[in-house]
Amino acid sequence: MCKLNIFDKISLILIFIGSINWGTIGLFKLNLLSIFLFNNSKLERIMYIIILLGALDLISLLFRWNLFANNK
């Protein structure tokens, strides 16, 4: 198993924030990012893009783990 670098750890935090946000949207129709960013649509869009980049990093992490698992 490979070690998590700083980007992987930040990505995990971002995905956690994104999943909590989508959970509250689904359950309560309450967008927490919109509340915390004071309904600033540009900041909200930037935050969603940052969460997307975190998700892409975690997808690459799956391939890195698989690569190390097959080399044993």
PDB file of N, CA and C in Angstrom:
ATOM      1  N   MET A   1       0.844  -1.182   0.000  1.00  0.00           N
ATOM      2  CA  MET A   1       0.000   0.000   0.000  1.00  0.00           C
ATOM      3  C   MET A   1       0.889   1.246   0.000  1.00  0.00           C
ATOM      4  N   CYS A   2       0.542   2.227  -0.820  1.00  0.00           N
ATOM      5  CA  CYS A   2       1.363   3.439  -0.883  1.00  0.00           C
ATOM      6  C   CYS A   2       0.934   4.436   0.191  1.00  0.00           C
ATOM      7  N   LYS A   3       1.855   5.340   0.487  1.00  0.00           N
ATOM      8  CA  LYS A   3       1.574   6.346   1.500  1.00  0.00           C
ATOM      9  C   LYS A   3       0.773   7.493   0.887  1.00  0.00           C
ATOM     10  N   LEU A   4      -0.021   8.135   1.715  1.00  0.00           N
ATOM     11  CA  LEU A   4      -0.775   9.294   1.268  1.00  0.00           C
ATOM     12  C   LEU A   4       0.111  10.530   1.330  1.00  0.00           C
ATOM     13  N   ASN A   5       0.179  11.260   0.223  1.00  0.00           N
ATOM     14  CA  ASN A   5       0.914  12.524   0.258  1.00  0.00           C
ATOM     15  C   ASN A   5      -0.051  13.633   0.702  1.00  0.00           C
ATOM     16  N   ILE A   6       0.443  14.841   0.783  1.00  0.00           N
ATOM     17  CA  ILE A   6      -0.372  15.950   1.293  1.00  0.00           C
ATOM     18  C   ILE A   6      -1.579  16.221   0.393  1.00  0.00           C
ATOM     19  N   PHE A   7      -1.408  16.051  -0.922  1.00  0.00           N
ATOM     20  CA  PHE A   7      -2.519  16.281  -1.843  1.00  0.00           C
ATOM     21  C   PHE A   7      -3.623  15.243  -1.649  1.00  0.00           C
ATOM     22  N   ASP A   8      -3.239  14.002  -1.371  1.00  0.00           N
ATOM     23  CA  ASP A   8      -4.225  12.956  -1.116  1.00  0.00           C
ATOM     24  C   ASP A   8      -5.010  13.244   0.162  1.00  0.00           C
ATOM     25  N   LYS A   9      -4.325  13.723   1.185  1.00  0.00           N
ATOM     26  CA  LYS A   9      -5.007  14.041   2.442  1.00  0.00           C
ATOM     27  C   LYS A   9      -5.969  15.213   2.270  1.00  0.00           C
ATOM     28  N   ILE A  10      -5.538  16.223   1.529  1.00  0.00           N
ATOM     29  CA  ILE A  10      -6.425  17.364   1.255  1.00  0.00           C
ATOM     30  C   ILE A  10      -7.612  16.910   0.419  1.00  0.00           C
ATOM     31  N   SER A  11      -7.363  16.013  -0.531  1.00  0.00           N
ATOM     32  CA  SER A  11      -8.447  15.494  -1.370  1.00  0.00           C
ATOM     33  C   SER A  11      -9.475  14.743  -0.541  1.00  0.00           C
ATOM     34  N   LEU A  12      -9.016  13.967   0.420  1.00  0.00           N
ATOM     35  CA  LEU A  12      -9.957  13.255   1.293  1.00  0.00           C
ATOM     36  C   LEU A  12     -10.832  14.236   2.074  1.00  0.00           C
ATOM     37  N   ILE A  13     -10.231  15.297   2.563  1.00  0.00           N
ATOM     38  CA  ILE A  13     -10.996  16.313   3.292  1.00  0.00           C
ATOM     39  C   ILE A  13     -12.006  16.981   2.365  1.00  0.00           C
ATOM     40  N   LEU A  14     -11.588  17.303   1.141  1.00  0.00           N
ATOM     41  CA  LEU A  14     -12.490  17.941   0.180  1.00  0.00           C
ATOM     42  C   LEU A  14     -13.662  17.037  -0.179  1.00  0.00           C
ATOM     43  N   ILE A  15     -13.394  15.756  -0.379  1.00  0.00           N
ATOM     44  CA  ILE A  15     -14.468  14.822  -0.704  1.00  0.00           C
ATOM     45  C   ILE A  15     -15.419  14.667   0.481  1.00  0.00           C
ATOM     46  N   PHE A  16     -14.883  14.694   1.679  1.00  0.00           N
ATOM     47  CA  PHE A  16     -15.731  14.653   2.874  1.00  0.00           C
ATOM     48  C   PHE A  16     -16.654  15.874   2.905  1.00  0.00           C
ATOM     49  N   ILE A  17     -16.104  17.061   2.661  1.00  0.00           N
ATOM     50  CA  ILE A  17     -16.914  18.285   2.638  1.00  0.00           C
ATOM     51  C   ILE A  17     -17.974  18.199   1.545  1.00  0.00           C
ATOM     52  N   GLY A  18     -17.570  17.757   0.366  1.00  0.00           N
ATOM     53  CA  GLY A  18     -18.520  17.640  -0.741  1.00  0.00           C
ATOM     54  C   GLY A  18     -19.627  16.644  -0.469  1.00  0.00           C
ATOM     55  N   SER A  19     -19.289  15.515   0.144  1.00  0.00           N
ATOM     56  CA  SER A  19     -20.315  14.511   0.418  1.00  0.00           C
ATOM     57  C   SER A  19     -21.282  14.973   1.499  1.00  0.00           C
ATOM     58  N   ILE A  20     -20.783  15.662   2.517  1.00  0.00           N
ATOM     59  CA  ILE A  20     -21.674  16.221   3.541  1.00  0.00           C
ATOM     60  C   ILE A  20     -22.610  17.244   2.908  1.00  0.00           C
ATOM     61  N   ASN A  21     -22.063  18.087   2.026  1.00  0.00           N
ATOM     62  CA  ASN A  21     -22.876  19.090   1.359  1.00  0.00           C
ATOM     63  C   ASN A  21     -23.973  18.440   0.520  1.00  0.00           C
ATOM     64  N   TRP A  22     -23.622  17.433  -0.290  1.00  0.00           N
ATOM     65  CA  TRP A  22     -24.623  16.785  -1.126  1.00  0.00           C
ATOM     66  C   TRP A  22     -25.630  15.997  -0.284  1.00  0.00           C
ATOM     67  N   GLY A  23     -25.192  15.469   0.836  1.00  0.00           N
ATOM     68  CA  GLY A  23     -26.128  14.789   1.732  1.00  0.00           C
ATOM     69  C   GLY A  23     -27.167  15.741   2.308  1.00  0.00           C
ATOM     70  N   THR A  24     -26.718  16.930   2.705  1.00  0.00           N
ATOM     71  CA  THR A  24     -27.686  17.901   3.235  1.00  0.00           C
ATOM     72  C   THR A  24     -28.590  18.453   2.139  1.00  0.00           C
ATOM     73  N   ILE A  25     -28.077  18.528   0.919  1.00  0.00           N
ATOM     74  CA  ILE A  25     -28.940  18.947  -0.194  1.00  0.00           C
ATOM     75  C   ILE A  25     -30.021  17.891  -0.425  1.00  0.00           C
ATOM     76  N   GLY A  26     -29.613  16.624  -0.423  1.00  0.00           N
ATOM     77  CA  GLY A  26     -30.571  15.551  -0.667  1.00  0.00           C
ATOM     78  C   GLY A  26     -31.586  15.375   0.455  1.00  0.00           C
ATOM     79  N   LEU A  27     -31.146  15.502   1.689  1.00  0.00           N
ATOM     80  CA  LEU A  27     -32.039  15.266   2.820  1.00  0.00           C
ATOM     81  C   LEU A  27     -32.889  16.480   3.185  1.00  0.00           C
ATOM     82  N   PHE A  28     -32.269  17.643   3.174  1.00  0.00           N
ATOM     83  CA  PHE A  28     -32.943  18.829   3.716  1.00  0.00           C
ATOM     84  C   PHE A  28     -33.109  19.983   2.725  1.00  0.00           C
ATOM     85  N   LYS A  29     -32.651  19.768   1.466  1.00  0.00           N
ATOM     86  CA  LYS A  29     -32.646  20.838   0.462  1.00  0.00           C
ATOM     87  C   LYS A  29     -31.902  22.066   0.994  1.00  0.00           C
ATOM     88  N   LEU A  30     -30.774  21.806   1.639  1.00  0.00           N
ATOM     89  CA  LEU A  30     -29.977  22.848   2.270  1.00  0.00           C
ATOM     90  C   LEU A  30     -28.552  22.766   1.732  1.00  0.00           C
ATOM     91  N   ASN A  31     -28.125  23.790   1.004  1.00  0.00           N
ATOM     92  CA  ASN A  31     -26.787  23.816   0.425  1.00  0.00           C
ATOM     93  C   ASN A  31     -25.848  24.531   1.395  1.00  0.00           C
ATOM     94  N   LEU A  32     -25.031  23.757   2.087  1.00  0.00           N
ATOM     95  CA  LEU A  32     -24.130  24.330   3.092  1.00  0.00           C
ATOM     96  C   LEU A  32     -23.062  25.226   2.467  1.00  0.00           C
ATOM     97  N   LEU A  33     -22.561  24.860   1.290  1.00  0.00           N
ATOM     98  CA  LEU A  33     -21.558  25.708   0.635  1.00  0.00           C
ATOM     99  C   LEU A  33     -22.135  27.078   0.330  1.00  0.00           C
ATOM    100  N   SER A  34     -23.361  27.097  -0.110  1.00  0.00           N
ATOM    101  CA  SER A  34     -24.012  28.370  -0.412  1.00  0.00           C
ATOM    102  C   SER A  34     -24.143  29.221   0.848  1.00  0.00           C
ATOM    103  N   ILE A  35     -24.448  28.589   1.963  1.00  0.00           N
ATOM    104  CA  ILE A  35     -24.581  29.317   3.229  1.00  0.00           C
ATOM    105  C   ILE A  35     -23.223  29.843   3.694  1.00  0.00           C
ATOM    106  N   PHE A  36     -22.200  28.960   3.677  1.00  0.00           N
ATOM    107  CA  PHE A  36     -20.882  29.359   4.180  1.00  0.00           C
ATOM    108  C   PHE A  36     -20.172  30.362   3.274  1.00  0.00           C
ATOM    109  N   LEU A  37     -20.528  30.355   1.993  1.00  0.00           N
ATOM    110  CA  LEU A  37     -19.893  31.284   1.056  1.00  0.00           C
ATOM    111  C   LEU A  37     -20.786  32.479   0.765  1.00  0.00           C
ATOM    112  N   PHE A  38     -21.800  32.688   1.600  1.00  0.00           N
ATOM    113  CA  PHE A  38     -22.681  33.860   1.547  1.00  0.00           C
ATOM    114  C   PHE A  38     -23.338  34.038   0.181  1.00  0.00           C
ATOM    115  N   ASN A  39     -23.802  32.915  -0.418  1.00  0.00           N
ATOM    116  CA  ASN A  39     -24.489  32.914  -1.709  1.00  0.00           C
ATOM    117  C   ASN A  39     -23.675  33.569  -2.820  1.00  0.00           C
ATOM    118  N   ASN A  40     -22.358  33.516  -2.697  1.00  0.00           N
ATOM    119  CA  ASN A  40     -21.481  34.038  -3.732  1.00  0.00           C
ATOM    120  C   ASN A  40     -21.286  32.943  -4.779  1.00  0.00           C
ATOM    121  N   SER A  41     -21.945  33.077  -5.923  1.00  0.00           N
ATOM    122  CA  SER A  41     -21.951  31.997  -6.907  1.00  0.00           C
ATOM    123  C   SER A  41     -20.563  31.746  -7.491  1.00  0.00           C
ATOM    124  N   LYS A  42     -19.729  32.770  -7.606  1.00  0.00           N
ATOM    125  CA  LYS A  42     -18.383  32.551  -8.142  1.00  0.00           C
ATOM    126  C   LYS A  42     -17.536  31.739  -7.171  1.00  0.00           C
ATOM    127  N   LEU A  43     -17.588  32.085  -5.890  1.00  0.00           N
ATOM    128  CA  LEU A  43     -16.837  31.315  -4.896  1.00  0.00           C
ATOM    129  C   LEU A  43     -17.370  29.888  -4.787  1.00  0.00           C
ATOM    130  N   GLU A  44     -18.677  29.739  -4.877  1.00  0.00           N
ATOM    131  CA  GLU A  44     -19.282  28.412  -4.799  1.00  0.00           C
ATOM    132  C   GLU A  44     -18.838  27.557  -5.986  1.00  0.00           C
ATOM    133  N   ARG A  45     -18.800  28.150  -7.165  1.00  0.00           N
ATOM    134  CA  ARG A  45     -18.357  27.425  -8.354  1.00  0.00           C
ATOM    135  C   ARG A  45     -16.890  27.028  -8.229  1.00  0.00           C
ATOM    136  N   ILE A  46     -16.055  27.922  -7.723  1.00  0.00           N
ATOM    137  CA  ILE A  46     -14.637  27.614  -7.521  1.00  0.00           C
ATOM    138  C   ILE A  46     -14.483  26.463  -6.532  1.00  0.00           C
ATOM    139  N   MET A  47     -15.278  26.478  -5.464  1.00  0.00           N
ATOM    140  CA  MET A  47     -15.203  25.412  -4.466  1.00  0.00           C
ATOM    141  C   MET A  47     -15.606  24.070  -5.065  1.00  0.00           C
ATOM    142  N   TYR A  48     -16.653  24.064  -5.897  1.00  0.00           N
ATOM    143  CA  TYR A  48     -17.058  22.813  -6.546  1.00  0.00           C
ATOM    144  C   TYR A  48     -15.965  22.304  -7.482  1.00  0.00           C
ATOM    145  N   ILE A  49     -15.270  23.207  -8.160  1.00  0.00           N
ATOM    146  CA  ILE A  49     -14.166  22.796  -9.042  1.00  0.00           C
ATOM    147  C   ILE A  49     -13.026  22.214  -8.217  1.00  0.00           C
ATOM    148  N   ILE A  50     -12.731  22.820  -7.071  1.00  0.00           N
ATOM    149  CA  ILE A  50     -11.677  22.297  -6.193  1.00  0.00           C
ATOM    150  C   ILE A  50     -12.052  20.910  -5.672  1.00  0.00           C
ATOM    151  N   ILE A  51     -13.318  20.711  -5.340  1.00  0.00           N
ATOM    152  CA  ILE A  51     -13.776  19.388  -4.894  1.00  0.00           C
ATOM    153  C   ILE A  51     -13.652  18.377  -6.034  1.00  0.00           C
ATOM    154  N   LEU A  52     -13.952  18.799  -7.260  1.00  0.00           N
ATOM    155  CA  LEU A  52     -13.781  17.925  -8.423  1.00  0.00           C
ATOM    156  C   LEU A  52     -12.324  17.512  -8.580  1.00  0.00           C
ATOM    157  N   LEU A  53     -11.401  18.447  -8.428  1.00  0.00           N
ATOM    158  CA  LEU A  53      -9.978  18.118  -8.536  1.00  0.00           C
ATOM    159  C   LEU A  53      -9.560  17.135  -7.445  1.00  0.00           C
ATOM    160  N   GLY A  54     -10.133  17.282  -6.256  1.00  0.00           N
ATOM    161  CA  GLY A  54      -9.868  16.319  -5.185  1.00  0.00           C
ATOM    162  C   GLY A  54     -10.362  14.929  -5.541  1.00  0.00           C
ATOM    163  N   ALA A  55     -11.528  14.863  -6.159  1.00  0.00           N
ATOM    164  CA  ALA A  55     -12.075  13.569  -6.566  1.00  0.00           C
ATOM    165  C   ALA A  55     -11.193  12.923  -7.637  1.00  0.00           C
ATOM    166  N   LEU A  56     -10.708  13.712  -8.576  1.00  0.00           N
ATOM    167  CA  LEU A  56      -9.821  13.175  -9.610  1.00  0.00           C
ATOM    168  C   LEU A  56      -8.516  12.671  -9.008  1.00  0.00           C
ATOM    169  N   ASP A  57      -8.008  13.367  -8.003  1.00  0.00           N
ATOM    170  CA  ASP A  57      -6.800  12.909  -7.327  1.00  0.00           C
ATOM    171  C   ASP A  57      -7.050  11.580  -6.635  1.00  0.00           C
ATOM    172  N   LEU A  58      -8.213  11.408  -6.023  1.00  0.00           N
ATOM    173  CA  LEU A  58      -8.496  10.150  -5.333  1.00  0.00           C
ATOM    174  C   LEU A  58      -8.702   9.009  -6.321  1.00  0.00           C
ATOM    175  N   ILE A  59      -9.204   9.318  -7.521  1.00  0.00           N
ATOM    176  CA  ILE A  59      -9.294   8.279  -8.555  1.00  0.00           C
ATOM    177  C   ILE A  59      -7.888   7.818  -8.927  1.00  0.00           C
ATOM    178  N   SER A  60      -6.968   8.767  -9.080  1.00  0.00           N
ATOM    179  CA  SER A  60      -5.589   8.379  -9.388  1.00  0.00           C
ATOM    180  C   SER A  60      -4.983   7.586  -8.230  1.00  0.00           C
ATOM    181  N   LEU A  61      -5.391   7.876  -7.003  1.00  0.00           N
ATOM    182  CA  LEU A  61      -4.903   7.130  -5.839  1.00  0.00           C
ATOM    183  C   LEU A  61      -5.303   5.655  -5.931  1.00  0.00           C
ATOM    184  N   LEU A  62      -6.512   5.390  -6.428  1.00  0.00           N
ATOM    185  CA  LEU A  62      -6.934   4.000  -6.597  1.00  0.00           C
ATOM    186  C   LEU A  62      -6.014   3.259  -7.552  1.00  0.00           C
ATOM    187  N   PHE A  63      -5.619   3.910  -8.646  1.00  0.00           N
ATOM    188  CA  PHE A  63      -4.704   3.278  -9.591  1.00  0.00           C
ATOM    189  C   PHE A  63      -3.312   3.092  -8.987  1.00  0.00           C
ATOM    190  N   ARG A  64      -2.861   4.060  -8.192  1.00  0.00           N
ATOM    191  CA  ARG A  64      -1.560   3.921  -7.542  1.00  0.00           C
ATOM    192  C   ARG A  64      -1.567   2.771  -6.548  1.00  0.00           C
ATOM    193  N   TRP A  65      -2.634   2.607  -5.783  1.00  0.00           N
ATOM    194  CA  TRP A  65      -2.730   1.487  -4.841  1.00  0.00           C
ATOM    195  C   TRP A  65      -2.743   0.163  -5.587  1.00  0.00           C
ATOM    196  N   ASN A  66      -3.475   0.108  -6.682  1.00  0.00           N
ATOM    197  CA  ASN A  66      -3.554  -1.115  -7.470  1.00  0.00           C
ATOM    198  C   ASN A  66      -2.186  -1.440  -8.068  1.00  0.00           C
ATOM    199  N   LEU A  67      -1.451  -0.440  -8.520  1.00  0.00           N
ATOM    200  CA  LEU A  67      -0.131  -0.650  -9.093  1.00  0.00           C
ATOM    201  C   LEU A  67       0.814  -1.262  -8.059  1.00  0.00           C
ATOM    202  N   PHE A  68       0.783  -0.737  -6.836  1.00  0.00           N
ATOM    203  CA  PHE A  68       1.656  -1.273  -5.792  1.00  0.00           C
ATOM    204  C   PHE A  68       1.202  -2.657  -5.335  1.00  0.00           C
ATOM    205  N   ALA A  69      -0.083  -2.908  -5.344  1.00  0.00           N
ATOM    206  CA  ALA A  69      -0.592  -4.208  -4.903  1.00  0.00           C
ATOM    207  C   ALA A  69      -0.200  -5.307  -5.891  1.00  0.00           C
ATOM    208  N   ASN A  70      -0.146  -4.982  -7.192  1.00  0.00           N
ATOM    209  CA  ASN A  70       0.205  -5.986  -8.197  1.00  0.00           C
ATOM    210  C   ASN A  70       1.701  -6.265  -8.252  1.00  0.00           C
ATOM    211  N   ASN A  71       2.533  -5.381  -7.729  1.00  0.00           N
ATOM    212  CA  ASN A  71       3.983  -5.575  -7.783  1.00  0.00           C
ATOM    213  C   ASN A  71       4.522  -6.451  -6.660  1.00  0.00           C
ATOM    214  N   LYS A  72       3.699  -6.849  -5.730  1.00  0.00           N
ATOM    215  CA  LYS A  72       4.180  -7.664  -4.599  1.00  0.00           C
ATOM    216  C   LYS A  72       4.395  -9.095  -4.987  1.00  0.00           C
TER     217      LYS A  72
END
